Amino acid sequence: MAFIETLLMSWKTVLESVALLVSLILILLGGIVYGISLSQPSDRRGRLQGMGLGMIIGGIVIAAITGAAVLIRDTSTNLLKP
C-alpha cells in the first residue's frame, strides 16, 4: 500500500512541475508569436495575433488552476459534508 502512495505522490509532483512549465512556455511563445505578428501583412496579422493572445490566456489559465488546485480540492471535499 505504501508503494502506491509514494507512486501517486511522485506523479502529483511531476504533474505540478509540468503544468507550471507548460504555462511558462505558452506565455513566452504567445508573446513571441504576437510580436512577430506586428511585422506581418494585415491578412496574416489577425490570425497570428489571435493565436498569440490565445496562447497567453491559456498559459495564465493553466497557472491559475495549478496555483489554486489545493484550494479547489479543499473546497470541493468540504462542500458535501453536513
N, C-alpha and C. Protein backbone atom coordinates (compact mmCIF):
# COMPACT_ATOMS: atom_id res chain seq x y z
N MET A 1 0.81 -1.20 0.00
CA MET A 1 0.00 0.00 0.00
C MET A 1 0.86 1.27 0.00
N ALA A 2 1.99 1.19 0.72
CA ALA A 2 2.87 2.36 0.77
C ALA A 2 3.48 2.65 -0.60
N PHE A 3 3.69 1.60 -1.38
CA PHE A 3 4.24 1.78 -2.72
C PHE A 3 3.30 2.61 -3.59
N ILE A 4 2.01 2.31 -3.51
CA ILE A 4 1.03 3.04 -4.32
C ILE A 4 0.98 4.51 -3.89
N GLU A 5 1.07 4.74 -2.59
CA GLU A 5 1.01 6.11 -2.09
C GLU A 5 2.22 6.91 -2.56
N THR A 6 3.40 6.34 -2.50
CA THR A 6 4.59 7.06 -2.97
C THR A 6 4.56 7.25 -4.48
N LEU A 7 4.01 6.28 -5.20
CA LEU A 7 3.88 6.42 -6.65
C LEU A 7 2.95 7.57 -7.01
N LEU A 8 1.82 7.65 -6.33
CA LEU A 8 0.87 8.74 -6.60
C LEU A 8 1.44 10.10 -6.21
N MET A 9 2.18 10.15 -5.12
CA MET A 9 2.78 11.42 -4.72
C MET A 9 3.84 11.87 -5.73
N SER A 10 4.60 10.92 -6.28
CA SER A 10 5.59 11.30 -7.28
C SER A 10 4.91 11.77 -8.57
N TRP A 11 3.81 11.14 -8.94
CA TRP A 11 3.04 11.61 -10.11
C TRP A 11 2.52 13.01 -9.88
N LYS A 12 2.03 13.28 -8.67
CA LYS A 12 1.50 14.60 -8.34
C LYS A 12 2.59 15.66 -8.49
N THR A 13 3.77 15.36 -7.99
CA THR A 13 4.89 16.30 -8.08
C THR A 13 5.28 16.55 -9.53
N VAL A 14 5.33 15.50 -10.32
CA VAL A 14 5.69 15.65 -11.74
C VAL A 14 4.64 16.47 -12.47
N LEU A 15 3.37 16.20 -12.23
CA LEU A 15 2.31 16.94 -12.92
C LEU A 15 2.30 18.41 -12.52
N GLU A 16 2.57 18.71 -11.26
CA GLU A 16 2.62 20.11 -10.84
C GLU A 16 3.76 20.86 -11.54
N SER A 17 4.91 20.24 -11.63
CA SER A 17 6.03 20.91 -12.27
C SER A 17 5.82 21.02 -13.78
N VAL A 18 5.22 20.01 -14.39
CA VAL A 18 4.95 20.06 -15.83
C VAL A 18 3.92 21.14 -16.14
N ALA A 19 2.90 21.29 -15.30
CA ALA A 19 1.87 22.30 -15.55
C ALA A 19 2.47 23.70 -15.51
N LEU A 20 3.34 23.96 -14.55
CA LEU A 20 3.97 25.28 -14.50
C LEU A 20 4.90 25.51 -15.69
N LEU A 21 5.60 24.47 -16.10
CA LEU A 21 6.49 24.60 -17.25
C LEU A 21 5.70 24.86 -18.53
N VAL A 22 4.59 24.14 -18.72
CA VAL A 22 3.74 24.35 -19.90
C VAL A 22 3.16 25.75 -19.88
N SER A 23 2.77 26.23 -18.70
CA SER A 23 2.23 27.57 -18.58
C SER A 23 3.25 28.62 -19.00
N LEU A 24 4.47 28.49 -18.51
CA LEU A 24 5.50 29.45 -18.89
C LEU A 24 5.83 29.39 -20.38
N ILE A 25 5.88 28.19 -20.93
CA ILE A 25 6.16 28.04 -22.36
C ILE A 25 5.06 28.69 -23.19
N LEU A 26 3.80 28.48 -22.80
CA LEU A 26 2.70 29.08 -23.55
C LEU A 26 2.74 30.60 -23.49
N ILE A 27 3.03 31.15 -22.32
CA ILE A 27 3.08 32.60 -22.19
C ILE A 27 4.22 33.19 -23.03
N LEU A 28 5.40 32.59 -22.96
CA LEU A 28 6.52 33.09 -23.74
C LEU A 28 6.31 32.92 -25.24
N LEU A 29 5.84 31.75 -25.65
CA LEU A 29 5.60 31.51 -27.07
C LEU A 29 4.49 32.42 -27.61
N GLY A 30 3.47 32.65 -26.79
CA GLY A 30 2.40 33.57 -27.20
C GLY A 30 2.91 34.98 -27.40
N GLY A 31 3.82 35.43 -26.51
CA GLY A 31 4.40 36.75 -26.66
C GLY A 31 5.25 36.86 -27.91
N ILE A 32 5.99 35.81 -28.21
CA ILE A 32 6.82 35.81 -29.42
C ILE A 32 5.95 35.84 -30.67
N VAL A 33 4.90 35.01 -30.70
CA VAL A 33 4.00 34.98 -31.87
C VAL A 33 3.30 36.33 -32.03
N TYR A 34 2.87 36.92 -30.92
CA TYR A 34 2.21 38.23 -31.00
C TYR A 34 3.19 39.29 -31.51
N GLY A 35 4.42 39.25 -31.04
CA GLY A 35 5.41 40.22 -31.51
C GLY A 35 5.73 40.05 -32.98
N ILE A 36 5.83 38.81 -33.43
CA ILE A 36 6.09 38.56 -34.86
C ILE A 36 4.91 39.03 -35.70
N SER A 37 3.70 38.92 -35.16
CA SER A 37 2.51 39.29 -35.94
C SER A 37 2.49 40.77 -36.29
N LEU A 38 3.15 41.59 -35.49
CA LEU A 38 3.15 43.02 -35.76
C LEU A 38 3.96 43.38 -37.00
N SER A 39 4.82 42.50 -37.45
CA SER A 39 5.62 42.78 -38.64
C SER A 39 5.06 42.12 -39.90
N GLN A 40 3.90 41.49 -39.80
CA GLN A 40 3.31 40.76 -40.93
C GLN A 40 2.27 41.62 -41.64
N PRO A 41 1.94 41.26 -42.85
CA PRO A 41 0.86 41.97 -43.56
C PRO A 41 -0.49 41.74 -42.86
N SER A 42 -1.42 42.57 -43.19
CA SER A 42 -2.68 42.58 -42.44
C SER A 42 -3.47 41.28 -42.56
N ASP A 43 -3.34 40.55 -43.65
CA ASP A 43 -4.13 39.32 -43.79
C ASP A 43 -3.63 38.21 -42.86
N ARG A 44 -2.35 38.24 -42.50
CA ARG A 44 -1.81 37.24 -41.57
C ARG A 44 -1.77 37.76 -40.14
N ARG A 45 -1.78 39.06 -39.99
CA ARG A 45 -1.62 39.67 -38.67
C ARG A 45 -2.76 39.27 -37.73
N GLY A 46 -3.96 39.26 -38.21
CA GLY A 46 -5.10 38.93 -37.35
C GLY A 46 -5.04 37.51 -36.83
N ARG A 47 -4.69 36.58 -37.71
CA ARG A 47 -4.59 35.17 -37.29
C ARG A 47 -3.48 34.99 -36.26
N LEU A 48 -2.33 35.61 -36.51
CA LEU A 48 -1.21 35.45 -35.59
C LEU A 48 -1.46 36.15 -34.25
N GLN A 49 -2.12 37.30 -34.28
CA GLN A 49 -2.44 37.98 -33.03
C GLN A 49 -3.43 37.16 -32.20
N GLY A 50 -4.42 36.60 -32.87
CA GLY A 50 -5.38 35.75 -32.16
C GLY A 50 -4.72 34.52 -31.57
N MET A 51 -3.81 33.92 -32.32
CA MET A 51 -3.11 32.75 -31.83
C MET A 51 -2.21 33.12 -30.65
N GLY A 52 -1.52 34.23 -30.75
CA GLY A 52 -0.64 34.67 -29.67
C GLY A 52 -1.40 34.99 -28.39
N LEU A 53 -2.49 35.71 -28.53
CA LEU A 53 -3.29 36.03 -27.34
C LEU A 53 -3.93 34.79 -26.74
N GLY A 54 -4.33 33.85 -27.59
CA GLY A 54 -4.87 32.59 -27.09
C GLY A 54 -3.86 31.81 -26.28
N MET A 55 -2.61 31.80 -26.74
CA MET A 55 -1.55 31.12 -26.00
C MET A 55 -1.28 31.80 -24.66
N ILE A 56 -1.26 33.12 -24.67
CA ILE A 56 -1.01 33.85 -23.43
C ILE A 56 -2.13 33.60 -22.43
N ILE A 57 -3.37 33.69 -22.87
CA ILE A 57 -4.51 33.47 -21.97
C ILE A 57 -4.54 32.02 -21.49
N GLY A 58 -4.23 31.07 -22.36
CA GLY A 58 -4.17 29.67 -21.95
C GLY A 58 -3.11 29.43 -20.89
N GLY A 59 -1.95 30.06 -21.05
CA GLY A 59 -0.90 29.93 -20.05
C GLY A 59 -1.29 30.52 -18.72
N ILE A 60 -1.99 31.65 -18.73
CA ILE A 60 -2.45 32.27 -17.49
C ILE A 60 -3.50 31.40 -16.81
N VAL A 61 -4.40 30.82 -17.58
CA VAL A 61 -5.44 29.95 -17.01
C VAL A 61 -4.81 28.70 -16.39
N ILE A 62 -3.85 28.09 -17.08
CA ILE A 62 -3.18 26.91 -16.53
C ILE A 62 -2.46 27.26 -15.23
N ALA A 63 -1.78 28.41 -15.20
CA ALA A 63 -1.08 28.83 -13.98
C ALA A 63 -2.06 29.09 -12.84
N ALA A 64 -3.20 29.70 -13.15
CA ALA A 64 -4.19 29.98 -12.11
C ALA A 64 -4.79 28.69 -11.55
N ILE A 65 -5.11 27.75 -12.41
CA ILE A 65 -5.68 26.48 -11.95
C ILE A 65 -4.65 25.70 -11.14
N THR A 66 -3.41 25.69 -11.60
CA THR A 66 -2.36 24.98 -10.87
C THR A 66 -2.11 25.62 -9.51
N GLY A 67 -2.10 26.94 -9.46
CA GLY A 67 -1.88 27.63 -8.20
C GLY A 67 -3.02 27.47 -7.22
N ALA A 68 -4.24 27.36 -7.72
CA ALA A 68 -5.41 27.25 -6.85
C ALA A 68 -5.89 25.82 -6.68
N ALA A 69 -5.11 24.84 -7.12
CA ALA A 69 -5.56 23.44 -7.08
C ALA A 69 -5.83 22.96 -5.67
N VAL A 70 -4.98 23.34 -4.72
CA VAL A 70 -5.17 22.90 -3.34
C VAL A 70 -6.43 23.52 -2.76
N LEU A 71 -6.66 24.79 -3.03
CA LEU A 71 -7.87 25.46 -2.55
C LEU A 71 -9.12 24.86 -3.18
N ILE A 72 -9.06 24.55 -4.46
CA ILE A 72 -10.20 23.93 -5.14
C ILE A 72 -10.48 22.55 -4.55
N ARG A 73 -9.42 21.78 -4.29
CA ARG A 73 -9.58 20.45 -3.70
C ARG A 73 -10.20 20.53 -2.31
N ASP A 74 -9.71 21.43 -1.46
CA ASP A 74 -10.23 21.55 -0.10
C ASP A 74 -11.68 22.02 -0.10
N THR A 75 -12.01 22.95 -0.96
CA THR A 75 -13.39 23.44 -1.04
C THR A 75 -14.34 22.36 -1.53
N SER A 76 -13.92 21.60 -2.52
CA SER A 76 -14.81 20.57 -3.06
C SER A 76 -14.98 19.40 -2.10
N THR A 77 -13.98 19.08 -1.28
CA THR A 77 -14.16 17.98 -0.32
C THR A 77 -15.05 18.40 0.84
N ASN A 78 -15.05 19.66 1.20
CA ASN A 78 -15.90 20.13 2.31
C ASN A 78 -17.28 20.57 1.83
N LEU A 79 -17.53 20.53 0.55
CA LEU A 79 -18.79 21.04 0.02
C LEU A 79 -19.97 20.16 0.39
N LEU A 80 -19.81 18.84 0.39
CA LEU A 80 -20.93 17.93 0.63
C LEU A 80 -21.00 17.44 2.07
N LYS A 81 -20.13 17.92 2.94
CA LYS A 81 -20.19 17.50 4.33
C LYS A 81 -21.38 18.17 5.02
N PRO A 82 -22.08 17.42 5.87
CA PRO A 82 -23.25 18.02 6.56
C PRO A 82 -22.84 19.01 7.62
